[in-house]
């Protein structure tokens, strides 16, 4: 099941660029870019930090697709 995300959408709505978001969560701009493209799955800790920046739950930012949920 691929992990999808709405990170770019929330980041744009929050007026943050990738570098700014990375600084807020302790990640590089490159890591944020990789997550947005779906080329890298964040750790649980990083996913929680990202969700907290936007005042969202992890499930609102990250979600699984492609198969039935367990």
Protein backbone atom coordinates (compact mmCIF):
# COMPACT_ATOMS: atom_id res chain seq x y z
CA UNK A 1 0.00 0.00 0.00
CA UNK A 2 1.63 3.23 -1.09
CA UNK A 3 1.81 6.03 1.45
CA UNK A 4 0.32 9.19 -0.02
CA UNK A 5 0.29 12.65 1.49
CA UNK A 6 -1.25 16.10 1.31
CA UNK A 7 1.93 17.78 2.50
CA UNK A 8 2.36 20.13 -0.45
CA UNK A 9 -1.27 21.24 -0.16
CA UNK A 10 -1.00 21.99 3.56
CA UNK A 11 2.41 23.61 3.16
CA UNK A 12 1.13 25.95 0.44
CA UNK A 13 -1.98 26.82 2.48
CA UNK A 14 0.29 27.62 5.43
CA UNK A 15 2.49 29.88 3.32
CA UNK A 16 5.62 27.82 3.97
CA UNK A 17 8.31 26.83 1.51
CA UNK A 18 10.11 23.50 1.80
CA UNK A 19 13.10 25.05 3.59
CA UNK A 20 10.90 26.75 6.19
CA UNK A 21 8.93 23.58 6.90
CA UNK A 22 12.15 21.59 7.13
CA UNK A 23 13.53 24.04 9.69
CA UNK A 24 10.37 23.78 11.79
CA UNK A 25 10.51 19.97 11.92
CA UNK A 26 14.27 19.38 11.94
CA UNK A 27 14.54 18.05 8.39
CA UNK A 28 16.29 19.25 5.24
CA UNK A 29 14.53 20.89 2.31
CA UNK A 30 15.52 17.84 0.27
CA UNK A 31 13.76 15.50 2.73
CA UNK A 32 10.57 17.56 2.55
CA UNK A 33 10.76 17.47 -1.25
CA UNK A 34 11.23 13.68 -1.27
CA UNK A 35 8.27 13.20 1.08
CA UNK A 36 6.03 15.43 -1.06
CA UNK A 37 6.93 13.44 -4.19
CA UNK A 38 6.30 10.13 -2.42
CA UNK A 39 9.92 9.04 -2.82
CA UNK A 40 10.54 8.87 0.95
CA UNK A 41 8.36 7.79 3.85
CA UNK A 42 8.95 9.85 6.97
CA UNK A 43 9.61 8.29 10.36
CA UNK A 44 6.71 8.29 12.80
CA UNK A 45 8.43 11.08 14.73
CA UNK A 46 8.84 13.25 11.63
CA UNK A 47 5.26 12.57 10.51
CA UNK A 48 3.99 13.66 13.93
CA UNK A 49 6.09 16.83 13.83
CA UNK A 50 4.83 17.70 10.34
CA UNK A 51 1.20 17.13 11.32
CA UNK A 52 1.66 19.28 14.44
CA UNK A 53 2.95 22.23 12.37
CA UNK A 54 -0.35 22.28 10.48
CA UNK A 55 -2.59 21.47 13.45
CA UNK A 56 -3.68 18.25 11.75
CA UNK A 57 -3.70 14.58 12.67
CA UNK A 58 -1.13 12.35 11.00
CA UNK A 59 -3.99 10.66 9.12
CA UNK A 60 -5.06 13.98 7.61
CA UNK A 61 -1.58 14.55 6.18
CA UNK A 62 -0.54 10.95 5.36
CA UNK A 63 -2.77 8.11 4.13
CA UNK A 64 -2.53 4.67 2.53
CA UNK A 65 -3.97 3.90 -0.91
CA UNK A 66 -4.37 0.94 -3.18
CA UNK A 67 -5.67 -1.81 -0.93
CA UNK A 68 -8.39 -2.42 1.60
CA UNK A 69 -7.58 -1.19 5.06
CA UNK A 70 -6.94 -3.80 7.73
